[in-house]
Amino acid sequence: MDIFIKNIVDLLKAEIPLSEEEIKGLIEIPPDIKMGDFAFPCFAIAKQLKDNPGKISTELAQKLPIGDLITNIKAHGPYLNFYVSKKMIFRTVLDEVFTESNSYGSSDSGVGKTAVIDYSSPNIAKHLAVHHLRSAVIGNAIYNLYKTLGYNCIGINHLGDWGTQFGQLIVAFKKWGPELKGHDSIKETGLDISKLNELYVRFHKEAKDNPSLEDEARDWFKKLENGNEEARETWQYFKDISLSEFERVYKKLGVRFDSYAGESFYNDMLDDTVKRIKDAGLAEISEEALIVNLEKFDMPPCILRKKDDASLYATRDICAAEYRKRKYGFDKMIYVVGSEQRLHFKQFFKVLELMGYEWVDDCVHVDFGLVKFKGGKMSTREGKVILLEDLLVESCKIAREIIEQKTSDLENKAEVANDVGIGAIIFSELSTKRVKDVMFDWNEILNFDGETGPYVQYTHARLCSVLRKCGEEVTNEIDYNVFKEDDELLLVKKLESFPLTIIRSAQNYEPSILSKYLLDLCSTFNRFYQHHRILIDDTELKRARVLLVDSIRQVIKNGLSILGLKAPERM
C-alpha cells in the first residue's frame, strides 16, 4: 500500500501547501470501488488556497500526471480520486502482507516519539468492577495502536490511592477488621480485597447513625499525611492487597501497564507545584480555599487546596503532568477517562496553559460513555456492584456452552472458550464509538453471527480451516494475472486499507474504527466464500486464492491483536 500512498503524496506535495505527513493523514479509501482506490479531500486545503474545493479537485485532476502505478485521476465533487493498476495492487498488497506478516499495518511514523497513556485508574481497596472496564480496554487498544505506529508507549495506571477514604478504611479496619492480637505483622491477618470492600461498605452504613466516625477518619487520614508509622503500614497493606488483585484480573483481560504511579506518588511534589502556580500569579483565596479563578473562561474555579489544606484531584493531575513531561518528554499525553470528567480536564488543561506550558497542546482527554445494565448506576458504598471478574467468568462459561453445541469434538475447549468469552467483552466495548454508552446484552455480545468479537474470531478460525484443508505451503510466488473477479479486488482493497485504518484509529483515539474495519473485512470474505471456491482444480488460481485467504487471516489476526483479542485457529 505504501508504494501507492507515496506516489500520491509525491504527486500532491508539489501542488498543495501541506507537508508529506499531513497529505498522508488525509488520504482516504472511497466508499465505492467505482470511485477509485484512494481519495484526497480538497476541502482540507480550500481555506489555504482561498478557492472552491470542487474547483481545486478539477484543476488538480487535469494537472497531475498518471503513470504505471496511478493509471487515472478524476475529480468527484470536492474529492480527488486516484485509480491504481489492478495487477499492481494485487501484487503489491498480497506480497506486502505475506512478507511483513505479523508486522503488516505497522509504520515508523512514531519512531523517536513518546506517547503516555493514562488509563484504568481504579481506587485501591475495592474490587475492579464493570465501570472500570471501558477505560482499561480502550486505553489498552490506544496503547497498542500507537505502539504499532512506532511510538514509545508508556502505559500508566494512575491509582486512586490517596484521600480521606483511606482514613475511613483505617477506622473500619481497627474497629471491625481481623484481630491483630497474636500476629507479628498486619500482613498475617489474612485480609483480602473482598474483606476490604466489606469494611468500606460497613463504614458508610455505620457513619449514617454515628457521624463522629467521619471525624475519626479525618484524624487518621491526617496521621497518614503526616507519616504516622501505623497509618502508613496499614495503608501500604491495603495497597499491596489491591495491586495483587488488580494484576490478576488485568492479566485475564490482557491489559498491561508500565507504571502504577498513583496519586500518593506525587505527595512530595505537590508543594512545589502549588508554589509554581502561586509564582505565576494564578492562585487566590476564596472561601478559605486556594483556587485558580477560571470565571473569564466560563468555568468554575479550579480548587487546588481545601480550607483544611488538603490537596484535590486537580492539584495532583497538574503535578503528575509536570512530572511526566520531565520524566518521559512525551509528544502525546492521552488521558482515557469517562465523559463525566470533561469539566475537570478542561479546568486542569487551562491551568497548565496559564502556567505557560506550551506542551499542554499535546495533552488530550479521550472520554467515553458508560456501560449500562438494567437497574441504573451502581454504588460501591452500598455494595451494589457487578464485579469485573464475575463478568469475565460468566462470559467464558457461556462461550464454553456455545462451543460445546457447535463443535463438541474441539480439543482445547476451555482455552478457546476463554479466548472467545474475554474477547467478546472487549470487542463489545470497542465496537461502539467510545463516547456512546454501551448497553450490555449477553445475547448480542456472544452471537457468532452478529457484529461481535466471536464473529471475527470465528471467521479467522474458518480461514485457518481452509488453509489446513489446502495442505500446501502458502507462497507469494504466484501468477497475479489470474485474479479476475470483482470480489477478489474488493477483498485485496480491504487489505490495502488496513494500515490507513490503524492510522485513523490512532489519530481519532477511536478503536471502533478498527473494530468496524474487521467486521467489514469478515463480512466481505464470508460473502466471497459463499460464491467462490478456493480449493479448485485450477492450480494457479488455487495458489493465488490460498495466498489471498492467508492474507485475510493475517490481517484479522493483526487487527484482533491490536484490540487486545486472541485469534483462535479452531472454534
Protein backbone atom coordinates (compact mmCIF):
# COMPACT_ATOMS: atom_id res chain seq x y z
CA MET A 1 0.00 0.00 0.00
CA ASP A 2 2.79 2.41 0.91
CA ILE A 3 4.01 2.49 -2.69
CA PHE A 4 0.65 3.86 -3.87
CA ILE A 5 0.32 6.30 -0.98
CA LYS A 6 3.88 7.51 -1.53
CA ASN A 7 3.18 8.03 -5.23
CA ILE A 8 0.04 10.06 -4.43
CA VAL A 9 1.89 12.10 -1.79
CA ASP A 10 4.73 12.80 -4.27
CA LEU A 11 2.19 13.97 -6.86
CA LEU A 12 0.32 16.26 -4.46
CA LYS A 13 3.14 17.76 -2.40
CA ALA A 14 4.37 19.85 -5.34
CA GLU A 15 0.91 21.35 -5.85
CA ILE A 16 -0.63 21.92 -2.40
CA PRO A 17 0.53 23.71 0.80
CA LEU A 18 0.73 20.64 3.07
CA SER A 19 3.57 18.51 4.38
CA GLU A 20 4.01 14.89 3.32
CA GLU A 21 2.74 13.67 6.71
CA GLU A 22 -0.33 15.92 6.51
CA ILE A 23 -1.18 14.73 2.99
CA LYS A 24 -0.74 11.09 4.03
CA GLY A 25 -3.04 11.59 7.00
CA LEU A 26 -5.82 12.98 4.81
CA ILE A 27 -5.84 10.28 2.13
CA GLU A 28 -8.99 8.17 2.32
CA ILE A 29 -10.42 4.99 0.82
CA PRO A 30 -13.59 5.80 -1.21
CA PRO A 31 -16.80 4.08 -0.05
CA ASP A 32 -17.50 2.72 -3.55
CA ILE A 33 -14.99 0.78 -5.67
CA LYS A 34 -16.19 2.70 -8.76
CA MET A 35 -14.96 5.94 -7.18
CA GLY A 36 -11.34 4.84 -7.31
CA ASP A 37 -8.83 3.31 -4.93
CA PHE A 38 -7.80 6.42 -2.98
CA ALA A 39 -9.29 9.86 -2.47
CA PHE A 40 -7.97 13.20 -1.29
CA PRO A 41 -10.48 15.70 0.25
CA CYS A 42 -9.75 19.07 -1.33
CA PHE A 43 -11.88 20.95 1.20
CA ALA A 44 -8.96 20.35 3.58
CA ILE A 45 -6.91 22.87 1.58
CA ALA A 46 -9.67 25.19 0.36
CA LYS A 47 -9.06 27.78 3.07
CA GLN A 48 -5.31 27.99 2.41
CA LEU A 49 -5.80 28.19 -1.37
CA LYS A 50 -8.79 30.53 -0.96
CA ASP A 51 -10.75 28.63 -3.59
CA ASN A 52 -13.73 26.32 -4.03
CA PRO A 53 -12.81 22.67 -3.18
CA GLY A 54 -14.67 21.41 -6.27
CA LYS A 55 -12.65 23.72 -8.49
CA ILE A 56 -9.42 22.72 -6.77
CA SER A 57 -10.09 18.99 -7.34
CA THR A 58 -10.95 19.60 -11.02
CA GLU A 59 -7.77 21.60 -11.65
CA LEU A 60 -5.59 19.06 -9.85
CA ALA A 61 -7.14 16.18 -11.85
CA GLN A 62 -6.17 17.95 -15.06
CA LYS A 63 -2.70 18.88 -13.87
CA LEU A 64 -1.37 15.75 -12.14
CA PRO A 65 0.35 13.15 -14.36
CA ILE A 66 -0.56 9.44 -14.46
CA GLY A 67 1.85 6.51 -14.76
CA ASP A 68 2.40 2.79 -14.15
CA LEU A 69 1.06 2.89 -10.59
CA ILE A 70 -1.61 5.62 -10.77
CA THR A 71 -3.44 4.96 -14.02
CA ASN A 72 -6.21 7.57 -13.73
CA ILE A 73 -7.11 10.65 -11.67
CA LYS A 74 -10.64 12.06 -11.58
CA ALA A 75 -12.42 14.86 -9.75
CA HIS A 76 -15.58 13.89 -7.89
CA GLY A 77 -17.02 16.99 -6.27
CA PRO A 78 -14.53 18.16 -3.59
CA TYR A 79 -12.65 14.83 -3.78
CA LEU A 80 -9.71 13.97 -5.99
CA ASN A 81 -9.96 10.24 -6.78
CA PHE A 82 -6.96 8.09 -7.73
CA TYR A 83 -7.19 4.83 -9.67
CA VAL A 84 -4.30 2.37 -9.43
CA SER A 85 -3.12 -0.52 -11.64
CA LYS A 86 -5.21 -3.59 -10.72
CA LYS A 87 -2.34 -6.03 -11.34
CA MET A 88 -0.01 -3.90 -9.25
CA ILE A 89 -2.50 -3.62 -6.40
CA PHE A 90 -2.79 -7.42 -6.13
CA ARG A 91 0.96 -7.93 -6.36
CA THR A 92 1.89 -5.10 -4.00
CA VAL A 93 -0.67 -5.71 -1.27
CA LEU A 94 -0.51 -9.52 -1.11
CA ASP A 95 3.26 -9.54 -1.29
CA GLU A 96 3.45 -6.91 1.45
CA VAL A 97 1.10 -8.82 3.79
CA PHE A 98 2.94 -12.09 3.13
CA THR A 99 6.38 -10.57 3.68
CA GLU A 100 5.57 -8.41 6.70
CA SER A 101 3.30 -11.00 8.32
CA ASN A 102 2.65 -10.02 11.97
CA SER A 103 4.11 -6.56 11.28
CA TYR A 104 1.72 -5.70 8.45
CA GLY A 105 -0.03 -2.45 9.32
CA SER A 106 2.91 -1.17 11.35
CA SER A 107 4.74 2.02 10.45
CA ASP A 108 7.66 4.10 11.64
CA SER A 109 5.73 7.39 11.75
CA GLY A 110 6.02 7.48 15.53
CA VAL A 111 9.66 6.43 15.82
CA GLY A 112 11.51 8.80 18.14
CA LYS A 113 8.25 9.97 19.74
CA THR A 114 6.71 9.05 23.09
CA ALA A 115 3.03 8.61 23.88
CA VAL A 116 1.99 8.40 27.54
CA ILE A 117 -1.41 6.79 28.02
CA ASP A 118 -3.20 7.15 31.38
CA TYR A 119 -5.95 4.53 31.71
CA SER A 120 -7.97 2.37 34.11
CA SER A 121 -7.02 4.22 37.34
CA PRO A 122 -9.22 2.40 39.88
CA ASN A 123 -9.37 3.25 43.57
CA ILE A 124 -7.45 0.77 45.68
CA ALA A 125 -9.09 -1.31 48.42
CA LYS A 126 -12.04 -2.08 46.15
CA HIS A 127 -12.76 -4.76 43.59
CA LEU A 128 -12.35 -3.96 39.91
CA ALA A 129 -15.92 -3.59 38.73
CA VAL A 130 -17.72 -3.27 35.40
CA HIS A 131 -17.38 0.52 35.39
CA HIS A 132 -13.57 0.06 35.28
CA LEU A 133 -13.80 -1.98 32.07
CA ARG A 134 -14.08 0.68 29.37
CA SER A 135 -11.09 2.77 30.42
CA ALA A 136 -8.92 -0.35 30.68
CA VAL A 137 -9.75 -1.83 27.27
CA ILE A 138 -9.96 1.48 25.37
CA GLY A 139 -6.66 2.60 26.89
CA ASN A 140 -5.03 -0.74 26.11
CA ALA A 141 -6.19 -0.56 22.48
CA ILE A 142 -4.91 3.02 22.10
CA TYR A 143 -1.59 1.91 23.61
CA ASN A 144 -1.37 -0.87 21.01
CA LEU A 145 -2.39 1.45 18.16
CA TYR A 146 0.37 3.92 18.93
CA LYS A 147 2.87 1.11 19.52
CA THR A 148 2.00 -0.18 16.04
CA LEU A 149 2.80 3.27 14.63
CA GLY A 150 6.28 3.11 16.16
CA TYR A 151 5.74 5.27 19.25
CA ASN A 152 7.49 4.53 22.51
CA CYS A 153 4.39 3.97 24.65
CA ILE A 154 4.16 4.35 28.41
CA GLY A 155 1.00 2.93 29.97
CA ILE A 156 0.21 4.45 33.36
CA ASN A 157 -2.34 3.24 35.87
CA HIS A 158 -2.87 6.39 37.95
CA LEU A 159 -4.19 4.58 41.02
CA GLY A 160 -6.65 6.29 43.33
CA ASP A 161 -4.54 5.51 46.37
CA TRP A 162 -4.87 8.71 48.43
CA GLY A 163 -7.64 10.66 50.11
CA THR A 164 -9.95 10.75 53.11
CA GLN A 165 -11.47 7.37 52.17
CA PHE A 166 -8.28 5.73 53.45
CA GLY A 167 -8.82 7.34 56.81
CA GLN A 168 -12.28 5.76 56.70
CA LEU A 169 -10.82 2.35 55.85
CA ILE A 170 -8.25 2.54 58.65
CA VAL A 171 -11.04 3.33 61.13
CA ALA A 172 -13.13 0.45 59.80
CA PHE A 173 -10.16 -1.91 59.89
CA LYS A 174 -9.35 -1.03 63.50
CA LYS A 175 -12.97 -1.35 64.63
CA TRP A 176 -14.26 -4.32 62.64
CA GLY A 177 -11.26 -5.84 60.89
CA PRO A 178 -9.46 -9.09 61.77
CA GLU A 179 -7.82 -9.30 65.20
CA LEU A 180 -4.19 -8.18 65.22
CA LYS A 181 -3.54 -9.90 68.55
CA GLY A 182 -1.16 -12.82 68.17
CA HIS A 183 0.17 -11.62 64.80
CA ASP A 184 3.66 -10.22 64.34
CA SER A 185 2.57 -8.19 61.33
CA ILE A 186 -0.59 -6.74 59.87
CA LYS A 187 0.15 -8.85 56.78
CA GLU A 188 -0.63 -12.02 58.75
CA THR A 189 -4.28 -11.09 59.29
CA GLY A 190 -5.46 -12.75 56.06
CA LEU A 191 -7.20 -9.64 54.76
CA ASP A 192 -8.27 -9.71 51.11
CA ILE A 193 -9.96 -7.34 48.68
CA SER A 194 -13.45 -8.66 49.48
CA LYS A 195 -13.00 -8.02 53.19
CA LEU A 196 -11.62 -4.55 52.46
CA ASN A 197 -14.70 -3.79 50.40
CA GLU A 198 -16.96 -5.07 53.18
CA LEU A 199 -15.20 -2.74 55.62
CA TYR A 200 -15.68 0.20 53.25
CA VAL A 201 -19.40 -0.52 52.87
CA ARG A 202 -19.84 -1.05 56.61
CA PHE A 203 -18.14 2.23 57.47
CA HIS A 204 -20.63 4.23 55.38
CA LYS A 205 -23.61 2.36 56.84
CA GLU A 206 -22.40 2.90 60.40
CA ALA A 207 -21.50 6.56 59.72
CA LYS A 208 -25.12 7.33 58.85
CA ASP A 209 -26.05 6.71 62.50
CA ASN A 210 -22.72 7.73 64.01
CA PRO A 211 -21.33 10.88 62.27
CA SER A 212 -18.39 11.00 64.69
CA LEU A 213 -16.82 8.19 62.65
CA GLU A 214 -16.16 10.75 59.91
CA ASP A 215 -14.16 12.85 62.39
CA GLU A 216 -12.10 9.80 63.36
CA ALA A 217 -11.50 9.08 59.67
CA ARG A 218 -10.26 12.63 59.03
CA ASP A 219 -7.92 12.32 62.01
CA TRP A 220 -6.47 9.07 60.70
CA PHE A 221 -6.02 10.49 57.21
CA LYS A 222 -4.19 13.45 58.72
CA LYS A 223 -1.92 10.96 60.51
CA LEU A 224 -1.39 9.22 57.18
CA GLU A 225 -0.44 12.51 55.52
CA ASN A 226 1.95 13.29 58.37
CA GLY A 227 3.75 9.96 58.01
CA ASN A 228 2.39 8.16 61.09
CA GLU A 229 4.01 4.72 61.05
CA GLU A 230 0.88 2.73 61.92
CA ALA A 231 -1.25 4.62 59.40
CA ARG A 232 1.39 4.20 56.68
CA GLU A 233 1.83 0.48 57.31
CA THR A 234 -1.92 -0.13 57.22
CA TRP A 235 -2.38 1.95 54.06
CA GLN A 236 0.54 0.16 52.30
CA TYR A 237 -1.02 -3.19 53.22
CA PHE A 238 -4.31 -2.11 51.64
CA LYS A 239 -2.42 -1.05 48.51
CA ASP A 240 -0.43 -4.30 48.24
CA ILE A 241 -3.61 -6.38 48.54
CA SER A 242 -5.29 -4.26 45.87
CA LEU A 243 -2.43 -4.41 43.36
CA SER A 244 -2.19 -8.17 43.67
CA GLU A 245 -5.91 -8.45 42.92
CA PHE A 246 -5.84 -5.88 40.10
CA GLU A 247 -2.93 -7.51 38.30
CA ARG A 248 -4.66 -10.90 38.41
CA VAL A 249 -7.79 -9.51 36.71
CA TYR A 250 -5.79 -7.35 34.28
CA LYS A 251 -3.90 -10.49 33.21
CA LYS A 252 -7.20 -12.19 32.34
CA LEU A 253 -8.15 -9.14 30.24
CA GLY A 254 -4.73 -9.00 28.59
CA VAL A 255 -4.23 -5.43 29.83
CA ARG A 256 -0.78 -4.27 30.92
CA PHE A 257 0.86 -1.17 32.40
CA ASP A 258 4.38 0.21 32.59
CA SER A 259 3.74 2.22 35.75
CA TYR A 260 1.38 2.11 38.73
CA ALA A 261 2.38 5.58 39.98
CA GLY A 262 -0.84 6.76 41.59
CA GLU A 263 -1.96 9.85 43.48
CA SER A 264 0.25 9.15 46.50
CA PHE A 265 3.37 9.11 44.30
CA TYR A 266 3.14 12.89 43.93
CA ASN A 267 2.74 13.81 47.61
CA ASP A 268 6.26 15.19 47.99
CA MET A 269 5.98 17.22 44.77
CA LEU A 270 2.67 18.97 45.44
CA ASP A 271 4.07 21.94 47.40
CA ASP A 272 6.44 22.80 44.55
CA THR A 273 3.57 22.59 42.04
CA VAL A 274 1.38 24.88 44.14
CA LYS A 275 4.32 27.28 44.53
CA ARG A 276 4.76 27.48 40.76
CA ILE A 277 1.07 28.25 40.37
CA LYS A 278 1.32 30.97 43.02
CA ASP A 279 4.50 32.40 41.48
CA ALA A 280 2.66 32.64 38.16
CA GLY A 281 0.10 34.87 39.91
CA LEU A 282 -2.71 32.42 39.26
CA ALA A 283 -3.72 31.39 42.79
CA GLU A 284 -6.08 33.21 45.13
CA ILE A 285 -8.03 32.53 48.33
CA SER A 286 -11.77 32.03 48.05
CA GLU A 287 -13.90 30.90 50.99
CA GLU A 288 -10.69 29.77 52.74
CA ALA A 289 -9.72 27.51 49.82
CA LEU A 290 -6.83 28.04 47.39
CA ILE A 291 -8.16 28.29 43.83
CA VAL A 292 -7.38 29.34 40.28
CA ASN A 293 -10.22 31.61 39.16
CA LEU A 294 -11.40 30.49 35.70
CA GLU A 295 -14.52 32.65 35.54
CA LYS A 296 -13.34 34.54 32.46
CA PHE A 297 -13.06 31.19 30.67
CA ASP A 298 -16.67 30.31 31.59
CA MET A 299 -15.57 27.63 34.02
CA PRO A 300 -15.91 27.18 37.79
CA PRO A 301 -12.74 27.72 39.83
CA CYS A 302 -10.07 25.04 39.85
CA ILE A 303 -9.63 24.19 43.55
CA LEU A 304 -6.02 23.47 44.47
CA ARG A 305 -6.35 23.07 48.24
CA LYS A 306 -9.37 22.90 50.54
CA LYS A 307 -9.59 25.06 53.64
CA ASP A 308 -8.03 22.23 55.68
CA ASP A 309 -5.04 22.43 53.29
CA ALA A 310 -5.80 19.03 51.74
CA SER A 311 -5.00 18.78 48.02
CA LEU A 312 -7.51 17.73 45.39
CA TYR A 313 -7.55 15.80 42.11
CA ALA A 314 -6.72 18.85 40.02
CA THR A 315 -3.58 19.66 42.02
CA ARG A 316 -2.37 16.09 41.71
CA ASP A 317 -3.13 15.93 37.98
CA ILE A 318 -1.23 19.18 37.36
CA CYS A 319 1.70 17.83 39.38
CA ALA A 320 1.54 14.47 37.56
CA ALA A 321 1.54 16.18 34.14
CA GLU A 322 4.63 18.20 35.08
CA TYR A 323 6.40 15.07 36.33
CA ARG A 324 5.52 13.03 33.24
CA LYS A 325 6.80 15.73 30.93
CA ARG A 326 10.08 15.86 32.87
CA LYS A 327 10.48 12.07 33.04
CA TYR A 328 9.20 10.94 29.66
CA GLY A 329 9.40 14.06 27.46
CA PHE A 330 6.12 12.94 25.91
CA ASP A 331 4.90 14.01 22.48
CA LYS A 332 1.37 12.94 23.43
CA MET A 333 -0.24 12.64 26.85
CA ILE A 334 -3.54 10.74 26.50
CA TYR A 335 -6.00 10.55 29.39
CA VAL A 336 -8.59 7.77 28.92
CA VAL A 337 -11.20 8.90 31.45
CA GLY A 338 -15.01 8.91 31.36
CA SER A 339 -17.11 11.72 29.89
CA GLU A 340 -18.29 12.70 33.37
CA GLN A 341 -14.83 14.24 33.93
CA ARG A 342 -14.85 16.59 30.93
CA LEU A 343 -15.04 19.74 33.06
CA HIS A 344 -12.18 18.56 35.27
CA PHE A 345 -9.89 18.14 32.25
CA LYS A 346 -10.89 21.46 30.74
CA GLN A 347 -10.01 23.14 34.04
CA PHE A 348 -6.74 21.40 34.60
CA PHE A 349 -5.59 21.83 30.98
CA LYS A 350 -6.45 25.53 31.24
CA VAL A 351 -4.33 25.89 34.39
CA LEU A 352 -1.40 24.21 32.61
CA GLU A 353 -1.85 26.65 29.73
CA LEU A 354 -1.94 29.63 32.11
CA MET A 355 1.25 28.34 33.74
CA GLY A 356 2.92 28.79 30.36
CA TYR A 357 3.28 25.14 29.40
CA GLU A 358 3.03 25.03 25.61
CA TRP A 359 3.08 21.22 25.76
CA VAL A 360 -0.48 21.28 27.12
CA ASP A 361 -1.48 21.20 23.42
CA ASP A 362 -0.10 17.66 23.39
CA CYS A 363 -2.46 16.61 26.19
CA VAL A 364 -5.84 15.16 25.25
CA HIS A 365 -8.80 13.85 27.22
CA VAL A 366 -10.15 10.74 25.49
CA ASP A 367 -13.58 10.43 27.05
CA PHE A 368 -16.11 7.63 26.82
CA GLY A 369 -19.66 6.72 27.79
CA LEU A 370 -20.95 4.31 30.42
CA VAL A 371 -21.55 0.58 30.49
CA LYS A 372 -25.25 0.27 31.28
CA PHE A 373 -27.19 -2.55 32.88
CA LYS A 374 -30.81 -2.73 33.89
CA GLY A 375 -31.24 -1.11 37.30
CA GLY A 376 -29.25 2.07 36.65
CA LYS A 377 -25.94 3.17 38.13
CA MET A 378 -24.18 1.10 40.78
CA SER A 379 -22.70 2.32 44.06
CA THR A 380 -19.71 0.71 45.76
CA ARG A 381 -20.72 2.36 49.03
CA GLU A 382 -23.88 0.28 49.12
CA GLY A 383 -22.13 -2.85 47.90
CA LYS A 384 -24.29 -2.98 44.76
CA VAL A 385 -21.69 -3.53 42.09
CA ILE A 386 -21.11 -6.06 39.30
CA LEU A 387 -17.55 -7.30 39.66
CA LEU A 388 -15.42 -7.33 36.53
CA GLU A 389 -14.03 -10.78 37.24
CA ASP A 390 -17.54 -12.21 37.69
CA LEU A 391 -18.45 -10.78 34.29
CA LEU A 392 -15.39 -12.40 32.68
CA VAL A 393 -16.07 -15.76 34.30
CA GLU A 394 -19.71 -15.73 33.21
CA SER A 395 -18.78 -14.80 29.65
CA CYS A 396 -16.27 -17.66 29.42
CA LYS A 397 -18.88 -20.06 30.85
CA ILE A 398 -21.49 -19.06 28.24
CA ALA A 399 -18.86 -19.23 25.46
CA ARG A 400 -17.98 -22.76 26.57
CA GLU A 401 -21.65 -23.82 26.36
CA ILE A 402 -21.97 -22.38 22.84
CA ILE A 403 -18.75 -24.08 21.70
CA GLU A 404 -19.94 -27.42 23.15
CA GLN A 405 -23.05 -27.14 20.97
CA LYS A 406 -21.20 -26.06 17.81
CA THR A 407 -18.03 -28.17 17.93
CA SER A 408 -18.24 -30.81 20.64
CA ASP A 409 -15.06 -32.55 19.38
CA LEU A 410 -12.85 -29.46 19.80
CA GLU A 411 -9.76 -30.48 21.78
CA ASN A 412 -8.90 -27.31 23.71
CA LYS A 413 -12.44 -26.16 24.55
CA ALA A 414 -11.50 -24.40 27.80
CA GLU A 415 -8.74 -22.33 26.18
CA VAL A 416 -10.89 -21.36 23.20
CA ALA A 417 -13.87 -20.55 25.45
CA ASN A 418 -11.61 -18.27 27.48
CA ASP A 419 -10.33 -16.52 24.35
CA VAL A 420 -13.85 -16.12 22.97
CA GLY A 421 -15.51 -15.14 26.26
CA ILE A 422 -12.93 -12.50 27.17
CA GLY A 423 -12.71 -11.34 23.56
CA ALA A 424 -16.48 -10.92 23.34
CA ILE A 425 -16.50 -8.48 26.25
CA ILE A 426 -13.50 -6.50 24.98
CA PHE A 427 -14.90 -6.26 21.45
CA SER A 428 -18.32 -5.14 22.71
CA GLU A 429 -16.60 -2.19 24.40
CA LEU A 430 -14.52 -1.31 21.35
CA SER A 431 -17.02 -1.78 18.52
CA THR A 432 -19.16 1.16 19.64
CA LYS A 433 -17.97 4.75 19.32
CA ARG A 434 -16.36 5.40 22.67
CA VAL A 435 -18.45 8.49 23.51
CA LYS A 436 -21.63 6.43 23.32
CA ASP A 437 -23.00 4.42 26.22
CA VAL A 438 -22.78 0.64 25.86
CA MET A 439 -25.86 -1.42 26.74
CA PHE A 440 -24.64 -4.81 27.92
CA ASP A 441 -26.56 -7.77 26.43
CA TRP A 442 -25.26 -11.37 26.61
CA ASN A 443 -27.34 -12.43 23.60
CA GLU A 444 -25.65 -9.83 21.44
CA ILE A 445 -22.01 -9.89 22.51
CA LEU A 446 -21.65 -13.71 22.24
CA ASN A 447 -23.50 -14.05 18.94
CA PHE A 448 -21.23 -15.91 16.49
CA ASP A 449 -23.19 -14.47 13.55
CA GLY A 450 -23.59 -10.84 14.63
CA GLU A 451 -21.28 -7.85 14.66
CA THR A 452 -19.28 -9.27 17.53
CA GLY A 453 -15.85 -10.41 18.62
CA PRO A 454 -16.79 -14.10 18.33
CA TYR A 455 -17.90 -13.48 14.72
CA VAL A 456 -14.47 -12.04 13.84
CA GLN A 457 -12.69 -14.83 15.73
CA TYR A 458 -14.87 -17.47 14.05
CA THR A 459 -14.05 -16.04 10.62
CA HIS A 460 -10.36 -16.25 11.50
CA ALA A 461 -10.82 -19.91 12.51
CA ARG A 462 -12.67 -20.59 9.23
CA LEU A 463 -9.76 -19.11 7.26
CA CYS A 464 -7.33 -21.31 9.20
CA SER A 465 -9.52 -24.33 8.40
CA VAL A 466 -9.37 -23.56 4.66
CA LEU A 467 -5.58 -23.33 4.85
CA ARG A 468 -5.35 -26.66 6.70
CA LYS A 469 -7.52 -28.35 4.04
CA CYS A 470 -5.28 -26.91 1.34
CA GLY A 471 -2.41 -28.99 2.66
CA GLU A 472 0.20 -26.93 0.84
CA GLU A 473 2.61 -24.26 1.97
CA VAL A 474 1.40 -20.73 1.26
CA THR A 475 3.62 -18.85 -1.18
CA ASN A 476 3.70 -15.40 -2.75
CA GLU A 477 5.27 -16.81 -5.92
CA ILE A 478 2.03 -16.87 -7.86
CA ASP A 479 0.62 -15.58 -11.14
CA TYR A 480 -1.12 -12.33 -10.14
CA ASN A 481 -2.85 -12.15 -13.54
CA VAL A 482 -5.27 -14.93 -12.55
CA PHE A 483 -7.26 -12.61 -10.28
CA LYS A 484 -10.27 -11.63 -12.39
CA GLU A 485 -13.23 -11.34 -10.02
CA ASP A 486 -14.51 -8.03 -8.64
CA ASP A 487 -14.95 -9.79 -5.26
CA GLU A 488 -11.23 -10.59 -5.21
CA LEU A 489 -10.38 -6.97 -5.95
CA LEU A 490 -12.75 -5.79 -3.22
CA LEU A 491 -11.01 -8.06 -0.71
CA VAL A 492 -7.50 -7.02 -1.63
CA LYS A 493 -8.51 -3.36 -1.40
CA LYS A 494 -9.84 -4.05 2.09
CA LEU A 495 -6.45 -5.47 2.99
CA GLU A 496 -4.78 -2.49 1.39
CA SER A 497 -6.69 -0.10 3.66
CA PHE A 498 -5.62 -1.80 6.91
CA PRO A 499 -2.57 0.42 7.58
CA LEU A 500 -4.63 3.57 6.94
CA THR A 501 -7.33 2.25 9.25
CA ILE A 502 -4.76 1.92 12.04
CA ILE A 503 -3.59 5.49 11.44
CA ARG A 504 -7.15 6.85 11.52
CA SER A 505 -7.99 4.86 14.65
CA ALA A 506 -4.94 6.26 16.42
CA GLN A 507 -5.41 9.84 15.22
CA ASN A 508 -9.02 9.83 16.42
CA TYR A 509 -8.30 7.80 19.57
CA GLU A 510 -11.13 5.62 18.30
CA PRO A 511 -10.63 1.81 18.42
CA SER A 512 -14.14 1.38 16.99
CA ILE A 513 -12.77 2.41 13.58
CA LEU A 514 -10.55 -0.68 13.61
CA SER A 515 -13.35 -2.84 15.04
CA LYS A 516 -15.72 -1.81 12.25
CA TYR A 517 -12.99 -2.45 9.68
CA LEU A 518 -12.54 -6.03 10.93
CA LEU A 519 -16.29 -6.66 10.85
CA ASP A 520 -16.44 -5.33 7.29
CA LEU A 521 -13.45 -7.42 6.19
CA CYS A 522 -15.02 -10.55 7.70
CA SER A 523 -18.40 -9.99 6.07
CA THR A 524 -16.71 -9.27 2.72
CA PHE A 525 -14.74 -12.51 2.95
CA ASN A 526 -17.76 -14.57 4.04
CA ARG A 527 -19.73 -13.29 1.02
CA PHE A 528 -16.79 -14.20 -1.21
CA TYR A 529 -16.60 -17.64 0.40
CA GLN A 530 -20.27 -18.32 -0.37
CA HIS A 531 -19.87 -17.58 -4.09
CA HIS A 532 -16.33 -18.65 -4.96
CA ARG A 533 -14.47 -21.89 -4.39
CA ILE A 534 -10.92 -21.70 -3.13
CA LEU A 535 -9.65 -25.30 -3.27
CA ILE A 536 -10.20 -25.85 -7.01
CA ASP A 537 -8.59 -27.87 -9.80
CA ASP A 538 -7.03 -24.83 -11.49
CA THR A 539 -3.62 -24.97 -9.77
CA GLU A 540 -2.57 -21.37 -10.45
CA LEU A 541 -5.88 -19.87 -9.35
CA LYS A 542 -5.95 -22.12 -6.29
CA ARG A 543 -2.46 -20.98 -5.21
CA ALA A 544 -3.46 -17.35 -5.76
CA ARG A 545 -6.67 -17.66 -3.75
CA VAL A 546 -4.88 -19.50 -0.96
CA LEU A 547 -2.48 -16.57 -0.72
CA LEU A 548 -5.48 -14.22 -0.59
CA VAL A 549 -7.07 -16.31 2.18
CA ASP A 550 -3.84 -16.36 4.17
CA SER A 551 -3.50 -12.59 3.79
CA ILE A 552 -7.03 -12.05 5.12
CA ARG A 553 -6.25 -14.38 8.04
CA GLN A 554 -3.09 -12.44 8.82
CA VAL A 555 -4.79 -9.04 8.79
CA ILE A 556 -7.63 -10.24 11.01
CA LYS A 557 -5.08 -11.68 13.45
CA ASN A 558 -3.09 -8.43 13.47
CA GLY A 559 -6.23 -6.35 13.98
CA LEU A 560 -7.52 -8.52 16.82
CA SER A 561 -4.13 -8.33 18.50
CA ILE A 562 -4.17 -4.52 18.46
CA LEU A 563 -7.64 -4.53 20.02
CA GLY A 564 -6.47 -6.98 22.69
CA LEU A 565 -8.20 -10.17 21.44
CA LYS A 566 -6.79 -13.61 20.72
CA ALA A 567 -7.23 -15.23 17.30
CA PRO A 568 -8.16 -18.92 17.78
CA GLU A 569 -7.26 -21.22 14.90
CA ARG A 570 -10.07 -23.64 15.71
CA MET A 571 -13.52 -22.89 17.13
